[in-house]
């Protein structure tokens, strides 16, 4: 089940919540509604990784637990706050200079999602409990112009 706060607004915070699942297409489609089309593929990938982490690692895919996503768009920034009901995640200390620092040393797939999240978003922050993730993507004329040229 997906719950959406109404009325939907581009200027204020909106909320989407869903029971833990890896079937995220409808949630991602909702979250991308007001995102510039030139950014949608990249942001979809980053949000998918964050939502999978919340549902799978945070909530352990327990269908009785919910993932809540608060989101907002403005002319200069896209913002998301993703909260799960898990015990929390203890991110490594500091902000990362290079996303490759997050890649696992072995052939394990664990850690690749974090690398993708740090690569895509301009700001990645966890709350003290480690079960609330805040993501920001800055949008300005230079960024959009650069993306359209390349």
C-alpha atoms as a PDB file:
ATOM      1  CA  UNK A   1       0.000   0.000   0.000  1.00  0.00           C
ATOM      2  CA  UNK A   2       1.206   3.506  -0.861  1.00  0.00           C
ATOM      3  CA  UNK A   3      -0.082   6.538   1.028  1.00  0.00           C
ATOM      4  CA  UNK A   4       0.376  10.066  -0.359  1.00  0.00           C
ATOM      5  CA  UNK A   5      -0.248  13.368   1.387  1.00  0.00           C
ATOM      6  CA  UNK A   6      -2.595  15.675  -0.476  1.00  0.00           C
ATOM      7  CA  UNK A   7      -2.767  18.282  -1.858  1.00  0.00           C
ATOM      8  CA  UNK A   8       0.409  17.739  -3.847  1.00  0.00           C
ATOM      9  CA  UNK A   9       2.566  20.860  -3.916  1.00  0.00           C
ATOM     10  CA  UNK A  10       5.789  21.838  -5.676  1.00  0.00           C
ATOM     11  CA  UNK A  11       6.736  24.427  -3.061  1.00  0.00           C
ATOM     12  CA  UNK A  12       6.162  22.585   0.232  1.00  0.00           C
ATOM     13  CA  UNK A  13       7.002  19.210   1.695  1.00  0.00           C
ATOM     14  CA  UNK A  14       4.924  16.237   0.576  1.00  0.00           C
ATOM     15  CA  UNK A  15       4.881  12.731   2.030  1.00  0.00           C
ATOM     16  CA  UNK A  16       4.726   9.239   0.537  1.00  0.00           C
ATOM     17  CA  UNK A  17       4.773   6.138   2.726  1.00  0.00           C
ATOM     18  CA  UNK A  18       4.746   2.448   1.861  1.00  0.00           C
ATOM     19  CA  UNK A  19       5.048  -0.939   3.531  1.00  0.00           C
ATOM     20  CA  UNK A  20       8.496  -2.501   3.134  1.00  0.00           C
ATOM     21  CA  UNK A  21       8.866  -3.969  -0.328  1.00  0.00           C
ATOM     22  CA  UNK A  22      11.387  -4.014  -3.140  1.00  0.00           C
ATOM     23  CA  UNK A  23       8.663  -3.257  -5.694  1.00  0.00           C
ATOM     24  CA  UNK A  24       9.460   0.444  -5.839  1.00  0.00           C
ATOM     25  CA  UNK A  25       8.393   1.510  -9.316  1.00  0.00           C
ATOM     26  CA  UNK A  26       5.140   3.255  -8.278  1.00  0.00           C
ATOM     27  CA  UNK A  27       6.893   5.046  -5.409  1.00  0.00           C
ATOM     28  CA  UNK A  28       9.750   6.179  -7.634  1.00  0.00           C
ATOM     29  CA  UNK A  29       7.293   7.354 -10.308  1.00  0.00           C
ATOM     30  CA  UNK A  30       5.530   9.498  -7.687  1.00  0.00           C
ATOM     31  CA  UNK A  31       8.799  10.913  -6.360  1.00  0.00           C
ATOM     32  CA  UNK A  32       9.935  11.894  -9.854  1.00  0.00           C
ATOM     33  CA  UNK A  33       6.708  13.650 -10.876  1.00  0.00           C
ATOM     34  CA  UNK A  34       8.088  17.202 -10.516  1.00  0.00           C
ATOM     35  CA  UNK A  35      11.719  16.440 -11.373  1.00  0.00           C
ATOM     36  CA  UNK A  36      13.176  17.889 -14.562  1.00  0.00           C
ATOM     37  CA  UNK A  37      13.223  15.079 -17.180  1.00  0.00           C
ATOM     38  CA  UNK A  38      16.950  15.531 -17.788  1.00  0.00           C
ATOM     39  CA  UNK A  39      17.607  14.561 -14.133  1.00  0.00           C
ATOM     40  CA  UNK A  40      15.084  11.737 -13.763  1.00  0.00           C
ATOM     41  CA  UNK A  41      17.224   8.702 -14.674  1.00  0.00           C
ATOM     42  CA  UNK A  42      20.077   9.702 -12.372  1.00  0.00           C
ATOM     43  CA  UNK A  43      17.830  10.638  -9.453  1.00  0.00           C
ATOM     44  CA  UNK A  44      15.723   7.483  -9.934  1.00  0.00           C
ATOM     45  CA  UNK A  45      18.847   5.371  -9.513  1.00  0.00           C
ATOM     46  CA  UNK A  46      19.932   7.216  -6.359  1.00  0.00           C
ATOM     47  CA  UNK A  47      16.475   7.144  -4.784  1.00  0.00           C
ATOM     48  CA  UNK A  48      16.058   3.474  -5.652  1.00  0.00           C
ATOM     49  CA  UNK A  49      19.271   2.648  -3.820  1.00  0.00           C
ATOM     50  CA  UNK A  50      18.199   4.683  -0.782  1.00  0.00           C
ATOM     51  CA  UNK A  51      14.715   3.128  -0.702  1.00  0.00           C
ATOM     52  CA  UNK A  52      16.072  -0.407  -1.114  1.00  0.00           C
ATOM     53  CA  UNK A  53      18.429   0.239   1.809  1.00  0.00           C
ATOM     54  CA  UNK A  54      15.539   1.499   3.959  1.00  0.00           C
ATOM     55  CA  UNK A  55      13.184  -1.400   3.128  1.00  0.00           C
ATOM     56  CA  UNK A  56      15.751  -4.226   2.965  1.00  0.00           C
ATOM     57  CA  UNK A  57      18.432  -3.298   5.478  1.00  0.00           C
ATOM     58  CA  UNK A  58      16.476  -0.960   7.753  1.00  0.00           C
ATOM     59  CA  UNK A  59      13.096  -2.663   7.925  1.00  0.00           C
ATOM     60  CA  UNK A  60      14.383  -6.159   7.020  1.00  0.00           C
ATOM     61  CA  UNK A  61      11.562  -6.351   4.428  1.00  0.00           C
ATOM     62  CA  UNK A  62       9.050  -6.660   7.272  1.00  0.00           C
ATOM     63  CA  UNK A  63       5.690  -5.867   5.600  1.00  0.00           C
ATOM     64  CA  UNK A  64       4.432  -4.508   8.925  1.00  0.00           C
ATOM     65  CA  UNK A  65       7.080  -1.768   8.866  1.00  0.00           C
ATOM     66  CA  UNK A  66       6.798   1.397   6.820  1.00  0.00           C
ATOM     67  CA  UNK A  67       9.215   3.570   4.871  1.00  0.00           C
ATOM     68  CA  UNK A  68       8.270   7.260   4.859  1.00  0.00           C
ATOM     69  CA  UNK A  69       9.599   9.689   2.257  1.00  0.00           C
ATOM     70  CA  UNK A  70       9.175  13.431   2.664  1.00  0.00           C
ATOM     71  CA  UNK A  71      10.112  15.366  -0.446  1.00  0.00           C
ATOM     72  CA  UNK A  72      10.184  18.876  -1.808  1.00  0.00           C
ATOM     73  CA  UNK A  73      11.167  20.637  -5.003  1.00  0.00           C
ATOM     74  CA  UNK A  74      12.167  24.232  -5.497  1.00  0.00           C
ATOM     75  CA  UNK A  75      13.732  26.127  -8.393  1.00  0.00           C
ATOM     76  CA  UNK A  76      17.194  25.548  -6.872  1.00  0.00           C
ATOM     77  CA  UNK A  77      17.011  22.179  -5.088  1.00  0.00           C
ATOM     78  CA  UNK A  78      15.346  18.783  -4.820  1.00  0.00           C
ATOM     79  CA  UNK A  79      15.140  17.339  -1.289  1.00  0.00           C
ATOM     80  CA  UNK A  80      14.167  13.979   0.220  1.00  0.00           C
ATOM     81  CA  UNK A  81      14.018  12.664   3.783  1.00  0.00           C
ATOM     82  CA  UNK A  82      13.742   8.868   3.932  1.00  0.00           C
ATOM     83  CA  UNK A  83      12.882   7.258   7.266  1.00  0.00           C
ATOM     84  CA  UNK A  84      12.609   3.555   8.085  1.00  0.00           C
ATOM     85  CA  UNK A  85      11.583   1.738  11.262  1.00  0.00           C
ATOM     86  CA  UNK A  86      14.817  -0.217  11.597  1.00  0.00           C
ATOM     87  CA  UNK A  87      17.403  -0.163  14.360  1.00  0.00           C
ATOM     88  CA  UNK A  88      19.525   2.328  12.466  1.00  0.00           C
ATOM     89  CA  UNK A  89      22.685   2.505  10.447  1.00  0.00           C
ATOM     90  CA  UNK A  90      26.018   3.780  11.677  1.00  0.00           C
ATOM     91  CA  UNK A  91      27.628   5.457   8.676  1.00  0.00           C
ATOM     92  CA  UNK A  92      31.372   5.665   8.572  1.00  0.00           C
ATOM     93  CA  UNK A  93      32.768   8.815  10.154  1.00  0.00           C
ATOM     94  CA  UNK A  94      33.115  11.980   8.020  1.00  0.00           C
ATOM     95  CA  UNK A  95      31.945  12.957   4.589  1.00  0.00           C
ATOM     96  CA  UNK A  96      33.631  11.153   1.736  1.00  0.00           C
ATOM     97  CA  UNK A  97      35.962  12.888  -0.668  1.00  0.00           C
ATOM     98  CA  UNK A  98      35.754  10.115  -3.233  1.00  0.00           C
ATOM     99  CA  UNK A  99      32.796   7.736  -3.658  1.00  0.00           C
ATOM    100  CA  UNK A 100      35.245   4.914  -4.414  1.00  0.00           C
ATOM    101  CA  UNK A 101      36.103   4.918  -0.686  1.00  0.00           C
ATOM    102  CA  UNK A 102      32.691   3.338  -0.118  1.00  0.00           C
ATOM    103  CA  UNK A 103      33.224   0.429  -2.496  1.00  0.00           C
ATOM    104  CA  UNK A 104      33.650  -2.897  -0.723  1.00  0.00           C
ATOM    105  CA  UNK A 105      37.135  -4.401  -0.751  1.00  0.00           C
ATOM    106  CA  UNK A 106      35.825  -7.863  -1.687  1.00  0.00           C
ATOM    107  CA  UNK A 107      33.479  -8.933  -4.480  1.00  0.00           C
ATOM    108  CA  UNK A 108      30.419  -8.396  -2.271  1.00  0.00           C
ATOM    109  CA  UNK A 109      27.589  -6.246  -3.557  1.00  0.00           C
ATOM    110  CA  UNK A 110      27.176  -4.647  -0.121  1.00  0.00           C
ATOM    111  CA  UNK A 111      28.273  -1.012  -0.120  1.00  0.00           C
ATOM    112  CA  UNK A 112      27.728  -0.288  -3.803  1.00  0.00           C
ATOM    113  CA  UNK A 113      24.393   1.403  -3.090  1.00  0.00           C
ATOM    114  CA  UNK A 114      26.059   3.844  -0.716  1.00  0.00           C
ATOM    115  CA  UNK A 115      28.675   4.633  -3.342  1.00  0.00           C
ATOM    116  CA  UNK A 116      25.924   5.382  -5.865  1.00  0.00           C
ATOM    117  CA  UNK A 117      24.010   7.555  -3.376  1.00  0.00           C
ATOM    118  CA  UNK A 118      27.105   9.633  -2.550  1.00  0.00           C
ATOM    119  CA  UNK A 119      27.920  10.010  -6.241  1.00  0.00           C
ATOM    120  CA  UNK A 120      24.450  11.216  -7.257  1.00  0.00           C
ATOM    121  CA  UNK A 121      23.399  13.542  -4.444  1.00  0.00           C
ATOM    122  CA  UNK A 122      25.099  16.776  -3.420  1.00  0.00           C
ATOM    123  CA  UNK A 123      24.396  16.222   0.271  1.00  0.00           C
ATOM    124  CA  UNK A 124      23.893  12.905   2.087  1.00  0.00           C
ATOM    125  CA  UNK A 125      23.213  12.977   5.834  1.00  0.00           C
ATOM    126  CA  UNK A 126      21.959  10.492   8.412  1.00  0.00           C
ATOM    127  CA  UNK A 127      20.322  11.458  11.668  1.00  0.00           C
ATOM    128  CA  UNK A 128      21.851  10.417  14.996  1.00  0.00           C
ATOM    129  CA  UNK A 129      19.782   7.199  15.132  1.00  0.00           C
ATOM    130  CA  UNK A 130      20.806   6.180  11.614  1.00  0.00           C
ATOM    131  CA  UNK A 131      17.322   5.451  10.315  1.00  0.00           C
ATOM    132  CA  UNK A 132      16.615   8.826   8.695  1.00  0.00           C
ATOM    133  CA  UNK A 133      18.496   9.818   5.545  1.00  0.00           C
ATOM    134  CA  UNK A 134      18.361  13.330   4.085  1.00  0.00           C
ATOM    135  CA  UNK A 135      19.328  13.824   0.441  1.00  0.00           C
ATOM    136  CA  UNK A 136      19.716  17.047  -1.534  1.00  0.00           C
ATOM    137  CA  UNK A 137      20.341  17.646  -5.209  1.00  0.00           C
ATOM    138  CA  UNK A 138      21.166  21.234  -6.107  1.00  0.00           C
ATOM    139  CA  UNK A 139      19.715  22.506  -9.348  1.00  0.00           C
ATOM    140  CA  UNK A 140      20.964  25.673 -10.939  1.00  0.00           C
ATOM    141  CA  UNK A 141      21.110  27.061 -14.447  1.00  0.00           C
ATOM    142  CA  UNK A 142      24.751  26.005 -14.874  1.00  0.00           C
ATOM    143  CA  UNK A 143      24.015  22.376 -13.895  1.00  0.00           C
ATOM    144  CA  UNK A 144      21.027  22.130 -16.232  1.00  0.00           C
ATOM    145  CA  UNK A 145      22.893  23.826 -19.088  1.00  0.00           C
ATOM    146  CA  UNK A 146      25.891  21.490 -18.626  1.00  0.00           C
ATOM    147  CA  UNK A 147      23.622  18.402 -18.636  1.00  0.00           C
ATOM    148  CA  UNK A 148      21.796  19.520 -21.789  1.00  0.00           C
ATOM    149  CA  UNK A 149      25.053  20.140 -23.690  1.00  0.00           C
ATOM    150  CA  UNK A 150      26.544  16.728 -22.866  1.00  0.00           C
END
